[in-house]
Amino acid sequence: MTDRQRAEEAFERFVVPELPVLLRVARALTRHDAEAEDLVQDTLLRAYRSIETFDGRHPRSWLLTIMRNTHINRHRRRRPELLRDPDAAANSEAVDGADAQSALFDEQFDAEVEAALFALPSPFRVMVELVDIRGLSYAEAAAELDIPIGTVMSRLHRARRRLRNHLERAGLDPGGAR
């Protein structure tokens, strides 16, 4: 069997079954179907290119990490363009008649949520990713990580509290209207 055939077989085995989850998470991240599909496609390309290095353990986590990094990189690439022309930034961010101030707040809020998420210690961040982003139940998250369900609940509670505290310190009210 050639390297390419092994890569294709691994891709079919580990990646293809996760497509529905990838699309659901991408839609949650981008809030637009077309952008979500593009994000999934980029994620699949990166996964295919690096499938030989994948050890076969936790394919969903591996793919979601690729997706998260791809999404962050796409967002970073857009920022310099937005900084050059503030009017274009307001127009591109203002969707469905939303005003520029609302778009700026949304961008700030999203950036703070992202910063807060990445500031979390890994055990807490994993819980948020599994339950809040991927939509797994507490039991499913516990089974995937092979930990007690009470540990999932405790870590998720503490993670959410840290996220709220971070947003409050940033002057954003996570419970308030956006």
N, C-alpha and C. Protein backbone atom coordinates (compact mmCIF):
# COMPACT_ATOMS: atom_id res chain seq x y z
N MET A 1 0.85 -1.18 0.00
CA MET A 1 0.00 0.00 0.00
C MET A 1 0.90 1.24 0.00
N THR A 2 0.59 2.20 -0.86
CA THR A 2 1.39 3.41 -0.97
C THR A 2 1.06 4.38 0.16
N ASP A 3 1.92 5.37 0.33
CA ASP A 3 1.68 6.40 1.34
C ASP A 3 0.38 7.14 1.05
N ARG A 4 0.14 7.42 -0.21
CA ARG A 4 -1.08 8.14 -0.58
C ARG A 4 -2.33 7.31 -0.24
N GLN A 5 -2.28 6.01 -0.51
CA GLN A 5 -3.42 5.15 -0.20
C GLN A 5 -3.64 5.08 1.31
N ARG A 6 -2.56 5.02 2.09
CA ARG A 6 -2.70 5.01 3.55
C ARG A 6 -3.31 6.32 4.03
N ALA A 7 -2.87 7.43 3.43
CA ALA A 7 -3.40 8.74 3.82
C ALA A 7 -4.89 8.83 3.50
N GLU A 8 -5.27 8.35 2.32
CA GLU A 8 -6.68 8.38 1.93
C GLU A 8 -7.52 7.48 2.83
N GLU A 9 -6.99 6.33 3.18
CA GLU A 9 -7.70 5.42 4.06
C GLU A 9 -7.87 6.03 5.45
N ALA A 10 -6.82 6.66 5.97
CA ALA A 10 -6.90 7.32 7.28
C ALA A 10 -7.88 8.48 7.24
N PHE A 11 -7.88 9.22 6.15
CA PHE A 11 -8.80 10.35 6.00
C PHE A 11 -10.24 9.86 6.03
N GLU A 12 -10.51 8.80 5.29
CA GLU A 12 -11.86 8.22 5.26
C GLU A 12 -12.27 7.70 6.65
N ARG A 13 -11.34 7.11 7.33
CA ARG A 13 -11.64 6.50 8.64
C ARG A 13 -11.83 7.53 9.74
N PHE A 14 -10.96 8.53 9.79
CA PHE A 14 -10.97 9.46 10.92
C PHE A 14 -11.69 10.78 10.64
N VAL A 15 -11.62 11.28 9.42
CA VAL A 15 -12.11 12.62 9.13
C VAL A 15 -13.55 12.62 8.62
N VAL A 16 -13.85 11.80 7.65
CA VAL A 16 -15.17 11.82 7.02
C VAL A 16 -16.31 11.65 8.02
N PRO A 17 -16.21 10.75 9.01
CA PRO A 17 -17.31 10.62 9.96
C PRO A 17 -17.56 11.89 10.81
N GLU A 18 -16.59 12.78 10.88
CA GLU A 18 -16.72 13.98 11.70
C GLU A 18 -17.26 15.19 10.92
N LEU A 19 -17.57 15.02 9.65
CA LEU A 19 -18.04 16.14 8.84
C LEU A 19 -19.27 16.85 9.42
N PRO A 20 -20.30 16.15 9.88
CA PRO A 20 -21.46 16.87 10.43
C PRO A 20 -21.09 17.73 11.64
N VAL A 21 -20.22 17.23 12.50
CA VAL A 21 -19.80 18.00 13.67
C VAL A 21 -19.00 19.22 13.23
N LEU A 22 -18.10 19.03 12.27
CA LEU A 22 -17.30 20.15 11.78
C LEU A 22 -18.18 21.25 11.21
N LEU A 23 -19.17 20.87 10.44
CA LEU A 23 -20.05 21.87 9.85
C LEU A 23 -20.86 22.59 10.93
N ARG A 24 -21.35 21.85 11.91
CA ARG A 24 -22.12 22.47 12.99
C ARG A 24 -21.26 23.47 13.78
N VAL A 25 -20.04 23.09 14.09
CA VAL A 25 -19.15 23.98 14.84
C VAL A 25 -18.76 25.18 13.98
N ALA A 26 -18.50 24.96 12.71
CA ALA A 26 -18.14 26.06 11.82
C ALA A 26 -19.28 27.07 11.71
N ARG A 27 -20.51 26.58 11.65
CA ARG A 27 -21.65 27.50 11.60
C ARG A 27 -21.75 28.32 12.89
N ALA A 28 -21.45 27.69 14.02
CA ALA A 28 -21.48 28.41 15.29
C ALA A 28 -20.37 29.46 15.34
N LEU A 29 -19.23 29.16 14.77
CA LEU A 29 -18.12 30.10 14.77
C LEU A 29 -18.33 31.27 13.83
N THR A 30 -18.85 30.99 12.64
CA THR A 30 -18.93 32.03 11.61
C THR A 30 -20.29 32.71 11.51
N ARG A 31 -21.33 31.99 11.90
CA ARG A 31 -22.71 32.48 11.83
C ARG A 31 -23.22 32.67 10.40
N HIS A 32 -22.50 32.12 9.43
CA HIS A 32 -22.91 32.22 8.02
C HIS A 32 -22.61 30.89 7.34
N ASP A 33 -23.59 30.37 6.61
CA ASP A 33 -23.43 29.06 5.97
C ASP A 33 -22.27 29.02 5.00
N ALA A 34 -22.14 30.04 4.15
CA ALA A 34 -21.08 30.03 3.14
C ALA A 34 -19.70 30.08 3.81
N GLU A 35 -19.54 30.93 4.80
CA GLU A 35 -18.27 31.01 5.51
C GLU A 35 -17.98 29.71 6.25
N ALA A 36 -19.03 29.10 6.81
CA ALA A 36 -18.86 27.83 7.52
C ALA A 36 -18.36 26.75 6.57
N GLU A 37 -18.94 26.69 5.39
CA GLU A 37 -18.52 25.70 4.41
C GLU A 37 -17.08 25.93 3.98
N ASP A 38 -16.69 27.19 3.81
CA ASP A 38 -15.30 27.51 3.46
C ASP A 38 -14.35 27.10 4.59
N LEU A 39 -14.76 27.36 5.82
CA LEU A 39 -13.93 27.00 6.97
C LEU A 39 -13.76 25.49 7.06
N VAL A 40 -14.83 24.74 6.84
CA VAL A 40 -14.75 23.28 6.86
C VAL A 40 -13.84 22.80 5.74
N GLN A 41 -13.96 23.38 4.56
CA GLN A 41 -13.12 22.97 3.43
C GLN A 41 -11.64 23.22 3.76
N ASP A 42 -11.33 24.39 4.30
CA ASP A 42 -9.94 24.68 4.67
C ASP A 42 -9.44 23.71 5.74
N THR A 43 -10.32 23.39 6.69
CA THR A 43 -9.97 22.44 7.75
C THR A 43 -9.68 21.07 7.16
N LEU A 44 -10.51 20.63 6.23
CA LEU A 44 -10.31 19.33 5.60
C LEU A 44 -9.01 19.28 4.80
N LEU A 45 -8.69 20.37 4.12
CA LEU A 45 -7.43 20.41 3.37
C LEU A 45 -6.23 20.30 4.30
N ARG A 46 -6.27 21.04 5.40
CA ARG A 46 -5.17 20.99 6.36
C ARG A 46 -5.07 19.60 7.00
N ALA A 47 -6.23 19.02 7.30
CA ALA A 47 -6.23 17.69 7.90
C ALA A 47 -5.66 16.67 6.91
N TYR A 48 -6.02 16.77 5.65
CA TYR A 48 -5.51 15.82 4.65
C TYR A 48 -4.00 15.94 4.51
N ARG A 49 -3.52 17.19 4.52
CA ARG A 49 -2.08 17.40 4.37
C ARG A 49 -1.29 16.83 5.55
N SER A 50 -1.90 16.78 6.72
CA SER A 50 -1.16 16.33 7.90
C SER A 50 -1.67 15.00 8.46
N ILE A 51 -2.44 14.26 7.68
CA ILE A 51 -3.03 13.01 8.17
C ILE A 51 -1.95 11.99 8.52
N GLU A 52 -0.80 12.03 7.85
CA GLU A 52 0.27 11.07 8.16
C GLU A 52 0.81 11.26 9.57
N THR A 53 0.73 12.47 10.10
CA THR A 53 1.26 12.73 11.44
C THR A 53 0.23 12.47 12.53
N PHE A 54 -1.01 12.23 12.16
CA PHE A 54 -2.07 12.00 13.13
C PHE A 54 -1.96 10.59 13.70
N ASP A 55 -2.04 10.47 15.03
CA ASP A 55 -1.85 9.18 15.69
C ASP A 55 -3.12 8.33 15.79
N GLY A 56 -4.26 8.86 15.35
CA GLY A 56 -5.50 8.09 15.39
C GLY A 56 -6.30 8.25 16.66
N ARG A 57 -5.76 8.94 17.64
CA ARG A 57 -6.47 9.15 18.91
C ARG A 57 -7.21 10.47 18.86
N HIS A 58 -8.43 10.48 19.27
CA HIS A 58 -9.27 11.68 19.38
C HIS A 58 -9.35 12.48 18.08
N PRO A 59 -9.87 11.89 17.03
CA PRO A 59 -9.92 12.60 15.74
C PRO A 59 -10.77 13.87 15.80
N ARG A 60 -11.85 13.85 16.57
CA ARG A 60 -12.70 15.03 16.64
C ARG A 60 -11.95 16.19 17.27
N SER A 61 -11.25 15.94 18.35
CA SER A 61 -10.47 17.00 19.00
C SER A 61 -9.39 17.53 18.07
N TRP A 62 -8.73 16.61 17.37
CA TRP A 62 -7.69 17.00 16.43
C TRP A 62 -8.26 17.90 15.33
N LEU A 63 -9.39 17.51 14.77
CA LEU A 63 -10.01 18.28 13.70
C LEU A 63 -10.51 19.64 14.20
N LEU A 64 -11.09 19.66 15.39
CA LEU A 64 -11.58 20.93 15.92
C LEU A 64 -10.44 21.88 16.26
N THR A 65 -9.31 21.34 16.65
CA THR A 65 -8.13 22.19 16.87
C THR A 65 -7.67 22.79 15.55
N ILE A 66 -7.64 21.99 14.51
CA ILE A 66 -7.28 22.50 13.19
C ILE A 66 -8.27 23.59 12.78
N MET A 67 -9.57 23.33 12.99
CA MET A 67 -10.59 24.31 12.61
C MET A 67 -10.42 25.61 13.39
N ARG A 68 -10.22 25.49 14.69
CA ARG A 68 -10.06 26.69 15.52
C ARG A 68 -8.87 27.52 15.04
N ASN A 69 -7.74 26.85 14.80
CA ASN A 69 -6.55 27.57 14.34
C ASN A 69 -6.77 28.19 12.96
N THR A 70 -7.44 27.47 12.09
CA THR A 70 -7.76 28.01 10.76
C THR A 70 -8.65 29.23 10.88
N HIS A 71 -9.65 29.15 11.73
CA HIS A 71 -10.56 30.28 11.94
C HIS A 71 -9.81 31.49 12.49
N ILE A 72 -8.94 31.27 13.45
CA ILE A 72 -8.16 32.36 14.04
C ILE A 72 -7.26 32.98 12.98
N ASN A 73 -6.61 32.16 12.19
CA ASN A 73 -5.73 32.69 11.14
C ASN A 73 -6.49 33.49 10.11
N ARG A 74 -7.69 33.04 9.75
CA ARG A 74 -8.51 33.80 8.80
C ARG A 74 -8.88 35.15 9.40
N HIS A 75 -9.22 35.15 10.66
CA HIS A 75 -9.61 36.39 11.34
C HIS A 75 -8.42 37.35 11.41
N ARG A 76 -7.25 36.82 11.70
CA ARG A 76 -6.03 37.65 11.77
C ARG A 76 -5.72 38.27 10.41
N ARG A 77 -5.91 37.49 9.35
CA ARG A 77 -5.62 38.01 8.01
C ARG A 77 -6.55 39.16 7.64
N ARG A 78 -7.76 39.16 8.17
CA ARG A 78 -8.72 40.21 7.85
C ARG A 78 -8.41 41.51 8.58
N ARG A 79 -7.84 41.42 9.75
CA ARG A 79 -7.63 42.61 10.58
C ARG A 79 -6.82 43.71 9.91
N PRO A 80 -5.67 43.43 9.28
CA PRO A 80 -4.93 44.54 8.66
C PRO A 80 -5.76 45.26 7.61
N GLU A 81 -6.57 44.52 6.87
CA GLU A 81 -7.43 45.15 5.87
C GLU A 81 -8.44 46.06 6.55
N LEU A 82 -8.99 45.63 7.65
CA LEU A 82 -9.97 46.42 8.36
C LEU A 82 -9.34 47.68 8.95
N LEU A 83 -8.10 47.59 9.37
CA LEU A 83 -7.43 48.75 9.96
C LEU A 83 -7.11 49.81 8.92
N ARG A 84 -6.91 49.42 7.68
CA ARG A 84 -6.58 50.40 6.64
C ARG A 84 -7.76 51.29 6.29
N ASP A 85 -8.95 50.75 6.24
CA ASP A 85 -10.12 51.51 5.81
C ASP A 85 -11.26 51.29 6.79
N PRO A 86 -11.40 52.20 7.79
CA PRO A 86 -12.45 52.02 8.80
C PRO A 86 -13.86 51.98 8.21
N ASP A 87 -14.08 52.74 7.12
CA ASP A 87 -15.42 52.73 6.52
C ASP A 87 -15.73 51.37 5.91
N ALA A 88 -14.74 50.75 5.30
CA ALA A 88 -14.94 49.42 4.72
C ALA A 88 -15.19 48.41 5.83
N ALA A 89 -14.49 48.58 6.97
CA ALA A 89 -14.69 47.67 8.09
C ALA A 89 -16.12 47.77 8.60
N ALA A 90 -16.61 48.98 8.74
CA ALA A 90 -17.97 49.16 9.24
C ALA A 90 -18.97 48.56 8.26
N ASN A 91 -18.73 48.76 6.97
CA ASN A 91 -19.65 48.23 5.97
C ASN A 91 -19.61 46.71 5.90
N SER A 92 -18.41 46.12 6.03
CA SER A 92 -18.34 44.67 5.93
C SER A 92 -18.86 43.99 7.18
N GLU A 93 -18.74 44.63 8.32
CA GLU A 93 -19.21 44.03 9.56
C GLU A 93 -20.68 44.31 9.83
N ALA A 94 -21.21 45.36 9.23
CA ALA A 94 -22.61 45.71 9.47
C ALA A 94 -23.49 44.86 8.56
N VAL A 95 -24.06 43.80 9.11
CA VAL A 95 -24.86 42.85 8.35
C VAL A 95 -26.33 43.09 8.67
N ASP A 96 -27.17 42.97 7.63
CA ASP A 96 -28.62 43.10 7.79
C ASP A 96 -29.00 44.43 8.43
N GLY A 97 -28.37 45.51 8.03
CA GLY A 97 -28.77 46.83 8.50
C GLY A 97 -28.24 47.19 9.87
N ALA A 98 -27.40 46.37 10.49
CA ALA A 98 -26.84 46.71 11.80
C ALA A 98 -25.92 47.90 11.62
N ASP A 99 -25.91 48.80 12.61
CA ASP A 99 -25.07 49.98 12.50
C ASP A 99 -23.61 49.67 12.82
N ALA A 100 -22.72 50.59 12.50
CA ALA A 100 -21.28 50.38 12.67
C ALA A 100 -20.92 50.19 14.14
N GLN A 101 -21.62 50.88 15.02
CA GLN A 101 -21.31 50.75 16.44
C GLN A 101 -21.62 49.34 16.94
N SER A 102 -22.72 48.80 16.50
CA SER A 102 -23.07 47.44 16.88
C SER A 102 -22.05 46.45 16.34
N ALA A 103 -21.61 46.66 15.10
CA ALA A 103 -20.61 45.77 14.50
C ALA A 103 -19.29 45.87 15.26
N LEU A 104 -18.91 47.08 15.66
CA LEU A 104 -17.67 47.25 16.42
C LEU A 104 -17.77 46.55 17.76
N PHE A 105 -18.94 46.67 18.43
CA PHE A 105 -19.13 45.99 19.71
C PHE A 105 -19.07 44.48 19.52
N ASP A 106 -19.71 43.98 18.48
CA ASP A 106 -19.68 42.53 18.21
C ASP A 106 -18.25 42.05 17.99
N GLU A 107 -17.47 42.83 17.23
CA GLU A 107 -16.09 42.45 16.97
C GLU A 107 -15.28 42.46 18.27
N GLN A 108 -15.48 43.49 19.09
CA GLN A 108 -14.77 43.58 20.37
C GLN A 108 -15.19 42.42 21.28
N PHE A 109 -16.49 42.16 21.33
CA PHE A 109 -17.00 41.08 22.18
C PHE A 109 -16.43 39.74 21.74
N ASP A 110 -16.46 39.48 20.43
CA ASP A 110 -15.92 38.21 19.91
C ASP A 110 -14.43 38.08 20.23
N ALA A 111 -13.70 39.17 20.06
CA ALA A 111 -12.25 39.14 20.34
C ALA A 111 -12.00 38.87 21.83
N GLU A 112 -12.81 39.46 22.69
CA GLU A 112 -12.64 39.24 24.13
C GLU A 112 -13.02 37.82 24.53
N VAL A 113 -14.08 37.29 23.93
CA VAL A 113 -14.47 35.91 24.21
C VAL A 113 -13.35 34.97 23.78
N GLU A 114 -12.81 35.22 22.58
CA GLU A 114 -11.71 34.39 22.09
C GLU A 114 -10.50 34.48 23.01
N ALA A 115 -10.16 35.70 23.44
CA ALA A 115 -9.02 35.89 24.35
C ALA A 115 -9.27 35.18 25.68
N ALA A 116 -10.50 35.31 26.18
CA ALA A 116 -10.84 34.67 27.45
C ALA A 116 -10.75 33.15 27.33
N LEU A 117 -11.23 32.63 26.21
CA LEU A 117 -11.19 31.18 26.00
C LEU A 117 -9.75 30.67 25.95
N PHE A 118 -8.90 31.37 25.24
CA PHE A 118 -7.52 30.90 25.12
C PHE A 118 -6.71 31.18 26.39
N ALA A 119 -7.21 32.04 27.27
CA ALA A 119 -6.53 32.28 28.55
C ALA A 119 -6.85 31.20 29.58
N LEU A 120 -7.89 30.42 29.31
CA LEU A 120 -8.26 29.36 30.25
C LEU A 120 -7.19 28.27 30.28
N PRO A 121 -6.97 27.69 31.45
CA PRO A 121 -6.11 26.50 31.49
C PRO A 121 -6.74 25.39 30.64
N SER A 122 -5.91 24.56 30.08
CA SER A 122 -6.36 23.54 29.14
C SER A 122 -7.54 22.69 29.62
N PRO A 123 -7.55 22.19 30.86
CA PRO A 123 -8.69 21.36 31.28
C PRO A 123 -10.03 22.10 31.22
N PHE A 124 -10.00 23.40 31.50
CA PHE A 124 -11.23 24.19 31.44
C PHE A 124 -11.61 24.50 29.99
N ARG A 125 -10.61 24.86 29.17
CA ARG A 125 -10.87 25.20 27.78
C ARG A 125 -11.46 23.99 27.04
N VAL A 126 -10.93 22.81 27.34
CA VAL A 126 -11.43 21.59 26.70
C VAL A 126 -12.91 21.39 27.03
N MET A 127 -13.30 21.65 28.25
CA MET A 127 -14.71 21.49 28.64
C MET A 127 -15.61 22.43 27.85
N VAL A 128 -15.19 23.69 27.71
CA VAL A 128 -15.98 24.66 26.95
C VAL A 128 -16.08 24.22 25.50
N GLU A 129 -14.96 23.76 24.95
CA GLU A 129 -14.98 23.32 23.55
C GLU A 129 -15.89 22.11 23.35
N LEU A 130 -15.83 21.17 24.26
CA LEU A 130 -16.65 19.96 24.10
C LEU A 130 -18.14 20.23 24.30
N VAL A 131 -18.47 20.92 25.38
CA VAL A 131 -19.88 21.08 25.73
C VAL A 131 -20.52 22.29 25.06
N ASP A 132 -19.88 23.45 25.15
CA ASP A 132 -20.50 24.68 24.64
C ASP A 132 -20.31 24.88 23.14
N ILE A 133 -19.18 24.45 22.61
CA ILE A 133 -18.93 24.66 21.19
C ILE A 133 -19.39 23.46 20.36
N ARG A 134 -18.97 22.27 20.77
CA ARG A 134 -19.33 21.07 20.00
C ARG A 134 -20.72 20.56 20.33
N GLY A 135 -21.26 20.96 21.46
CA GLY A 135 -22.62 20.56 21.80
C GLY A 135 -22.76 19.18 22.40
N LEU A 136 -21.68 18.63 22.95
CA LEU A 136 -21.77 17.34 23.60
C LEU A 136 -22.48 17.48 24.95
N SER A 137 -23.15 16.43 25.36
CA SER A 137 -23.75 16.40 26.69
C SER A 137 -22.63 16.19 27.71
N TYR A 138 -22.93 16.40 28.99
CA TYR A 138 -21.93 16.16 30.03
C TYR A 138 -21.46 14.71 29.97
N ALA A 139 -22.40 13.80 29.79
CA ALA A 139 -22.05 12.37 29.74
C ALA A 139 -21.15 12.06 28.55
N GLU A 140 -21.45 12.65 27.40
CA GLU A 140 -20.62 12.41 26.22
C GLU A 140 -19.21 12.96 26.41
N ALA A 141 -19.12 14.15 27.00
CA ALA A 141 -17.81 14.75 27.26
C ALA A 141 -17.02 13.89 28.25
N ALA A 142 -17.70 13.42 29.28
CA ALA A 142 -17.04 12.57 30.28
C ALA A 142 -16.53 11.29 29.63
N ALA A 143 -17.35 10.70 28.76
CA ALA A 143 -16.94 9.46 28.08
C ALA A 143 -15.76 9.71 27.15
N GLU A 144 -15.78 10.82 26.42
CA GLU A 144 -14.70 11.11 25.48
C GLU A 144 -13.37 11.31 26.20
N LEU A 145 -13.42 11.94 27.39
CA LEU A 145 -12.19 12.21 28.13
C LEU A 145 -11.88 11.15 29.18
N ASP A 146 -12.81 10.21 29.35
CA ASP A 146 -12.65 9.15 30.34
C ASP A 146 -12.46 9.73 31.75
N ILE A 147 -13.37 10.66 32.11
CA ILE A 147 -13.37 11.26 33.45
C ILE A 147 -14.80 11.21 33.99
N PRO A 148 -14.97 11.36 35.30
CA PRO A 148 -16.32 11.34 35.86
C PRO A 148 -17.15 12.54 35.38
N ILE A 149 -18.45 12.34 35.30
CA ILE A 149 -19.35 13.41 34.84
C ILE A 149 -19.29 14.61 35.80
N GLY A 150 -19.09 14.36 37.08
CA GLY A 150 -18.98 15.45 38.05
C GLY A 150 -17.78 16.33 37.76
N THR A 151 -16.70 15.75 37.27
CA THR A 151 -15.52 16.53 36.91
C THR A 151 -15.83 17.43 35.73
N VAL A 152 -16.58 16.91 34.76
CA VAL A 152 -16.99 17.72 33.61
C VAL A 152 -17.82 18.91 34.10
N MET A 153 -18.78 18.64 34.95
CA MET A 153 -19.66 19.71 35.43
C MET A 153 -18.88 20.76 36.22
N SER A 154 -17.99 20.31 37.08
CA SER A 154 -17.20 21.22 37.89
C SER A 154 -16.28 22.09 37.03
N ARG A 155 -15.56 21.46 36.11
CA ARG A 155 -14.65 22.22 35.26
C ARG A 155 -15.40 23.20 34.36
N LEU A 156 -16.54 22.76 33.84
CA LEU A 156 -17.32 23.64 32.98
C LEU A 156 -17.84 24.83 33.77
N HIS A 157 -18.31 24.60 34.99
CA HIS A 157 -18.79 25.70 35.83
C HIS A 157 -17.67 26.71 36.08
N ARG A 158 -16.50 26.21 36.44
CA ARG A 158 -15.37 27.10 36.72
C ARG A 158 -14.90 27.81 35.46
N ALA A 159 -14.93 27.12 34.34
CA ALA A 159 -14.53 27.74 33.07
C ALA A 159 -15.49 28.87 32.70
N ARG A 160 -16.78 28.62 32.81
CA ARG A 160 -17.76 29.65 32.48
C ARG A 160 -17.63 30.84 33.42
N ARG A 161 -17.37 30.58 34.69
CA ARG A 161 -17.19 31.68 35.64
C ARG A 161 -15.97 32.53 35.26
N ARG A 162 -14.88 31.87 34.87
CA ARG A 162 -13.68 32.61 34.46
C ARG A 162 -13.95 33.42 33.19
N LEU A 163 -14.70 32.85 32.27
CA LEU A 163 -15.05 33.59 31.05
C LEU A 163 -15.87 34.83 31.38
N ARG A 164 -16.88 34.66 32.24
CA ARG A 164 -17.71 35.80 32.66
C ARG A 164 -16.85 36.88 33.33
N ASN A 165 -15.97 36.47 34.23
CA ASN A 165 -15.11 37.43 34.94
C ASN A 165 -14.21 38.18 33.96
N HIS A 166 -13.68 37.47 32.99
CA HIS A 166 -12.82 38.11 31.99
C HIS A 166 -13.62 39.17 31.22
N LEU A 167 -14.82 38.81 30.80
CA LEU A 167 -15.64 39.76 30.04
C LEU A 167 -16.06 40.96 30.88
N GLU A 168 -16.36 40.72 32.15
CA GLU A 168 -16.71 41.84 33.03
C GLU A 168 -15.52 42.77 33.21
N ARG A 169 -14.30 42.21 33.39
CA ARG A 169 -13.11 43.06 33.53
C ARG A 169 -12.85 43.85 32.25
N ALA A 170 -13.25 43.32 31.12
CA ALA A 170 -13.07 44.01 29.84
C ALA A 170 -14.17 45.04 29.60
N GLY A 171 -15.10 45.16 30.55
CA GLY A 171 -16.18 46.13 30.41
C GLY A 171 -17.33 45.66 29.56
N LEU A 172 -17.43 44.37 29.37
CA LEU A 172 -18.51 43.78 28.57
C LEU A 172 -19.39 42.98 29.50
N ASP A 173 -20.68 43.10 29.35
CA ASP A 173 -21.63 42.38 30.19
C ASP A 173 -22.06 41.11 29.46
N PRO A 174 -21.51 39.95 29.84
CA PRO A 174 -21.86 38.73 29.12
C PRO A 174 -23.32 38.36 29.23
N GLY A 175 -24.00 38.80 30.27
CA GLY A 175 -25.41 38.47 30.42
C GLY A 175 -26.32 39.49 29.80
N GLY A 176 -25.78 40.64 29.44
CA GLY A 176 -26.59 41.73 28.91
C GLY A 176 -26.86 41.61 27.45
N ALA A 177 -27.64 42.52 26.93
CA ALA A 177 -27.97 42.52 25.50
C ALA A 177 -26.78 42.99 24.70
N ARG A 178 -26.57 42.35 23.59
CA ARG A 178 -25.48 42.75 22.71
C ARG A 178 -26.07 43.68 21.72
